N, C-alpha and C. Protein backbone atom coordinates (compact mmCIF):
# COMPACT_ATOMS: atom_id res chain seq x y z
N MET A 1 0.85 -1.18 0.05
CA MET A 1 0.04 0.01 -0.01
C MET A 1 0.85 1.25 0.00
N GLY A 2 0.49 2.26 -0.78
CA GLY A 2 1.28 3.44 -0.86
C GLY A 2 1.04 4.34 0.33
N GLY A 3 1.97 5.26 0.56
CA GLY A 3 1.91 6.23 1.65
C GLY A 3 0.69 7.03 1.65
N ASN A 4 0.25 7.50 0.37
CA ASN A 4 -1.01 8.27 0.25
C ASN A 4 -2.19 7.53 0.71
N GLN A 5 -2.27 6.30 0.31
CA GLN A 5 -3.38 5.43 0.67
C GLN A 5 -3.42 5.20 2.19
N GLU A 6 -2.24 4.95 2.77
CA GLU A 6 -2.14 4.69 4.20
C GLU A 6 -2.68 5.96 4.93
N ARG A 7 -2.22 7.14 4.50
CA ARG A 7 -2.58 8.40 5.10
C ARG A 7 -4.11 8.59 4.99
N GLU A 8 -4.70 8.32 3.87
CA GLU A 8 -6.17 8.51 3.72
C GLU A 8 -6.95 7.56 4.60
N LEU A 9 -6.38 6.37 4.81
CA LEU A 9 -7.09 5.41 5.76
C LEU A 9 -6.81 5.66 7.22
N GLY A 10 -5.98 6.72 7.49
CA GLY A 10 -5.65 7.02 8.90
C GLY A 10 -4.65 6.10 9.54
N LEU A 11 -3.93 5.32 8.68
CA LEU A 11 -2.85 4.43 9.14
C LEU A 11 -1.52 5.17 9.20
N PRO A 12 -0.56 4.58 10.04
CA PRO A 12 0.68 5.19 9.95
C PRO A 12 1.37 4.93 8.58
N VAL A 13 2.09 5.91 8.14
CA VAL A 13 2.69 5.82 6.79
C VAL A 13 4.00 4.98 6.93
N SER A 14 4.12 4.00 6.04
CA SER A 14 5.25 3.07 6.09
C SER A 14 6.57 3.85 5.77
N PRO A 15 7.70 3.40 6.38
CA PRO A 15 8.92 3.99 6.07
C PRO A 15 9.26 4.09 4.58
N LEU A 16 9.85 5.11 4.16
CA LEU A 16 10.20 5.35 2.74
C LEU A 16 8.99 5.53 1.83
N CYS A 17 7.77 5.61 2.40
CA CYS A 17 6.61 5.77 1.58
C CYS A 17 5.97 7.15 1.76
N ASP A 18 6.52 7.99 2.55
CA ASP A 18 5.93 9.30 2.83
C ASP A 18 6.60 10.30 1.89
N ARG A 19 5.92 10.72 0.92
CA ARG A 19 6.49 11.67 -0.07
C ARG A 19 6.83 13.02 0.49
N ASN A 20 6.26 13.30 1.65
CA ASN A 20 6.62 14.56 2.29
C ASN A 20 7.91 14.58 3.07
N THR A 21 8.40 13.39 3.46
CA THR A 21 9.62 13.34 4.21
C THR A 21 10.70 12.55 3.61
N TYR A 22 10.39 11.82 2.48
CA TYR A 22 11.25 10.92 1.85
C TYR A 22 12.56 11.66 1.27
N ASP A 23 13.69 11.20 1.61
CA ASP A 23 14.95 11.85 1.10
C ASP A 23 15.60 10.99 0.16
N VAL A 24 15.40 11.17 -1.15
CA VAL A 24 15.86 10.36 -2.25
C VAL A 24 17.35 10.22 -2.22
N HIS A 25 18.06 11.36 -2.01
CA HIS A 25 19.57 11.29 -2.02
C HIS A 25 20.06 10.32 -0.96
N ASN A 26 19.56 10.48 0.28
CA ASN A 26 19.98 9.61 1.37
C ASN A 26 19.61 8.15 1.18
N ALA A 27 18.42 7.91 0.66
CA ALA A 27 17.97 6.53 0.33
C ALA A 27 18.81 5.93 -0.61
N GLN A 28 19.13 6.55 -1.72
CA GLN A 28 19.98 5.97 -2.78
C GLN A 28 21.39 5.75 -2.23
N ARG A 29 21.91 6.72 -1.53
CA ARG A 29 23.27 6.52 -0.95
C ARG A 29 23.33 5.33 0.01
N SER A 30 22.29 5.20 0.80
CA SER A 30 22.26 4.14 1.75
C SER A 30 22.21 2.78 1.09
N ILE A 31 21.33 2.67 0.04
CA ILE A 31 21.24 1.37 -0.65
C ILE A 31 22.60 1.08 -1.31
N LEU A 32 23.16 2.00 -1.89
CA LEU A 32 24.44 1.78 -2.55
C LEU A 32 25.60 1.41 -1.52
N GLN A 33 25.60 2.10 -0.43
CA GLN A 33 26.63 1.93 0.62
C GLN A 33 26.46 0.64 1.37
N TYR A 34 25.18 0.28 1.79
CA TYR A 34 24.96 -0.82 2.67
C TYR A 34 24.51 -2.09 2.06
N ILE A 35 24.07 -2.05 0.79
CA ILE A 35 23.62 -3.24 0.11
C ILE A 35 24.47 -3.52 -1.10
N VAL A 36 24.53 -2.63 -1.99
CA VAL A 36 25.21 -2.92 -3.29
C VAL A 36 26.73 -3.06 -3.10
N LEU A 37 27.40 -2.13 -2.46
CA LEU A 37 28.82 -2.16 -2.26
C LEU A 37 29.32 -3.40 -1.53
N PRO A 38 28.71 -3.79 -0.37
CA PRO A 38 29.17 -5.00 0.29
C PRO A 38 28.87 -6.27 -0.48
N THR A 39 27.81 -6.29 -1.24
CA THR A 39 27.52 -7.45 -2.10
C THR A 39 28.53 -7.60 -3.16
N PHE A 40 28.90 -6.51 -3.86
CA PHE A 40 29.95 -6.62 -4.92
C PHE A 40 31.26 -6.85 -4.38
N GLU A 41 31.56 -6.34 -3.18
CA GLU A 41 32.87 -6.63 -2.58
C GLU A 41 33.10 -8.16 -2.31
N ALA A 42 32.01 -8.79 -1.79
CA ALA A 42 32.02 -10.18 -1.59
C ALA A 42 32.11 -10.95 -2.83
N LEU A 43 31.33 -10.60 -3.89
CA LEU A 43 31.31 -11.24 -5.14
C LEU A 43 32.72 -11.05 -5.83
N ALA A 44 33.29 -9.96 -5.77
CA ALA A 44 34.56 -9.69 -6.42
C ALA A 44 35.70 -10.52 -5.83
N ARG A 45 35.63 -10.97 -4.64
CA ARG A 45 36.55 -11.87 -3.97
C ARG A 45 36.39 -13.27 -4.59
N ILE A 46 35.22 -13.58 -5.14
CA ILE A 46 35.02 -14.88 -5.74
C ILE A 46 35.27 -14.86 -7.21
N ASP A 47 34.96 -13.74 -7.86
CA ASP A 47 35.05 -13.62 -9.37
C ASP A 47 35.77 -12.30 -9.67
N SER A 48 36.96 -12.41 -10.10
CA SER A 48 37.82 -11.21 -10.37
C SER A 48 37.23 -10.44 -11.52
N ASP A 49 36.36 -10.94 -12.33
CA ASP A 49 35.75 -10.20 -13.42
C ASP A 49 34.89 -9.04 -12.93
N LEU A 50 34.52 -9.09 -11.65
CA LEU A 50 33.66 -8.02 -11.02
C LEU A 50 34.47 -6.90 -10.54
N ALA A 51 35.80 -6.91 -10.72
CA ALA A 51 36.66 -5.78 -10.22
C ALA A 51 36.26 -4.47 -10.83
N VAL A 52 35.99 -4.48 -12.10
CA VAL A 52 35.65 -3.20 -12.85
C VAL A 52 34.30 -2.67 -12.35
N PRO A 53 33.22 -3.51 -12.38
CA PRO A 53 31.94 -2.97 -11.82
C PRO A 53 32.14 -2.52 -10.39
N LEU A 54 32.92 -3.18 -9.51
CA LEU A 54 33.17 -2.79 -8.18
C LEU A 54 33.80 -1.42 -8.12
N SER A 55 34.71 -1.08 -9.01
CA SER A 55 35.40 0.25 -9.05
C SER A 55 34.41 1.29 -9.37
N TYR A 56 33.42 0.96 -10.33
CA TYR A 56 32.34 1.92 -10.66
C TYR A 56 31.46 2.17 -9.46
N ILE A 57 31.18 1.11 -8.71
CA ILE A 57 30.27 1.31 -7.53
C ILE A 57 30.98 2.17 -6.50
N LYS A 58 32.28 1.93 -6.30
CA LYS A 58 33.02 2.74 -5.31
C LYS A 58 33.12 4.16 -5.77
N ASN A 59 33.23 4.45 -7.03
CA ASN A 59 33.26 5.76 -7.63
C ASN A 59 31.88 6.38 -7.32
N SER A 60 30.83 5.71 -7.63
CA SER A 60 29.50 6.26 -7.31
C SER A 60 29.32 6.60 -5.83
N CYS A 61 29.76 5.73 -5.03
CA CYS A 61 29.72 6.03 -3.52
C CYS A 61 30.44 7.37 -3.19
N SER A 62 31.61 7.52 -3.78
CA SER A 62 32.42 8.75 -3.54
C SER A 62 31.66 9.97 -4.06
N ARG A 63 31.02 9.80 -5.22
CA ARG A 63 30.33 10.94 -5.86
C ARG A 63 29.07 11.27 -5.00
N PHE A 64 28.35 10.28 -4.48
CA PHE A 64 27.28 10.61 -3.56
C PHE A 64 27.72 11.33 -2.33
N ASP A 65 28.88 10.87 -1.72
CA ASP A 65 29.33 11.62 -0.58
C ASP A 65 29.74 13.02 -0.86
N ALA A 66 30.21 13.27 -2.07
CA ALA A 66 30.69 14.63 -2.44
C ALA A 66 29.53 15.50 -3.02
N THR A 67 28.37 14.92 -3.23
CA THR A 67 27.32 15.67 -3.84
C THR A 67 26.44 16.26 -2.78
N ASP A 68 26.04 17.53 -2.99
CA ASP A 68 25.09 18.22 -2.05
C ASP A 68 23.72 17.77 -2.46
N PRO A 69 22.88 17.17 -1.57
CA PRO A 69 21.57 16.75 -1.94
C PRO A 69 20.63 17.83 -2.37
N GLU A 70 20.93 19.09 -2.04
CA GLU A 70 20.15 20.23 -2.43
C GLU A 70 20.40 20.70 -3.83
N ASP A 71 21.45 20.20 -4.47
CA ASP A 71 21.75 20.52 -5.83
C ASP A 71 20.71 19.96 -6.75
N GLU A 72 20.57 20.58 -7.91
CA GLU A 72 19.66 20.04 -8.95
C GLU A 72 20.29 18.73 -9.46
N GLY A 73 19.50 17.81 -9.93
CA GLY A 73 20.01 16.52 -10.44
C GLY A 73 20.57 15.72 -9.30
N GLY A 74 21.48 14.85 -9.67
CA GLY A 74 22.11 13.97 -8.62
C GLY A 74 23.48 13.61 -9.11
N PRO A 75 24.21 12.77 -8.35
CA PRO A 75 25.55 12.53 -8.59
C PRO A 75 25.76 11.66 -9.92
N LEU A 76 24.72 10.99 -10.29
CA LEU A 76 24.88 10.20 -11.50
C LEU A 76 24.49 11.01 -12.72
N ASP A 77 24.00 12.26 -12.61
CA ASP A 77 23.74 13.09 -13.69
C ASP A 77 24.91 13.77 -14.30
N ALA A 78 26.04 13.84 -13.51
CA ALA A 78 27.24 14.51 -14.01
C ALA A 78 27.91 13.88 -15.08
């Protein structure tokens, strides 16, 4: 159920479903940092062919950290 529907029904709005408080920049950075990066680090230890994609992911993490979330666009738009 979407946040708007939950709000209309008087239910508490689920995390990440409230369009009034959702922070896209932080959500994307967190997914990249806490899910994607550790997964690819583990996989790259098993398959060396993943070293290049892992370097791209690390670069994206650095760009997210260096990007001001108030700027237009995002770190991947550059």
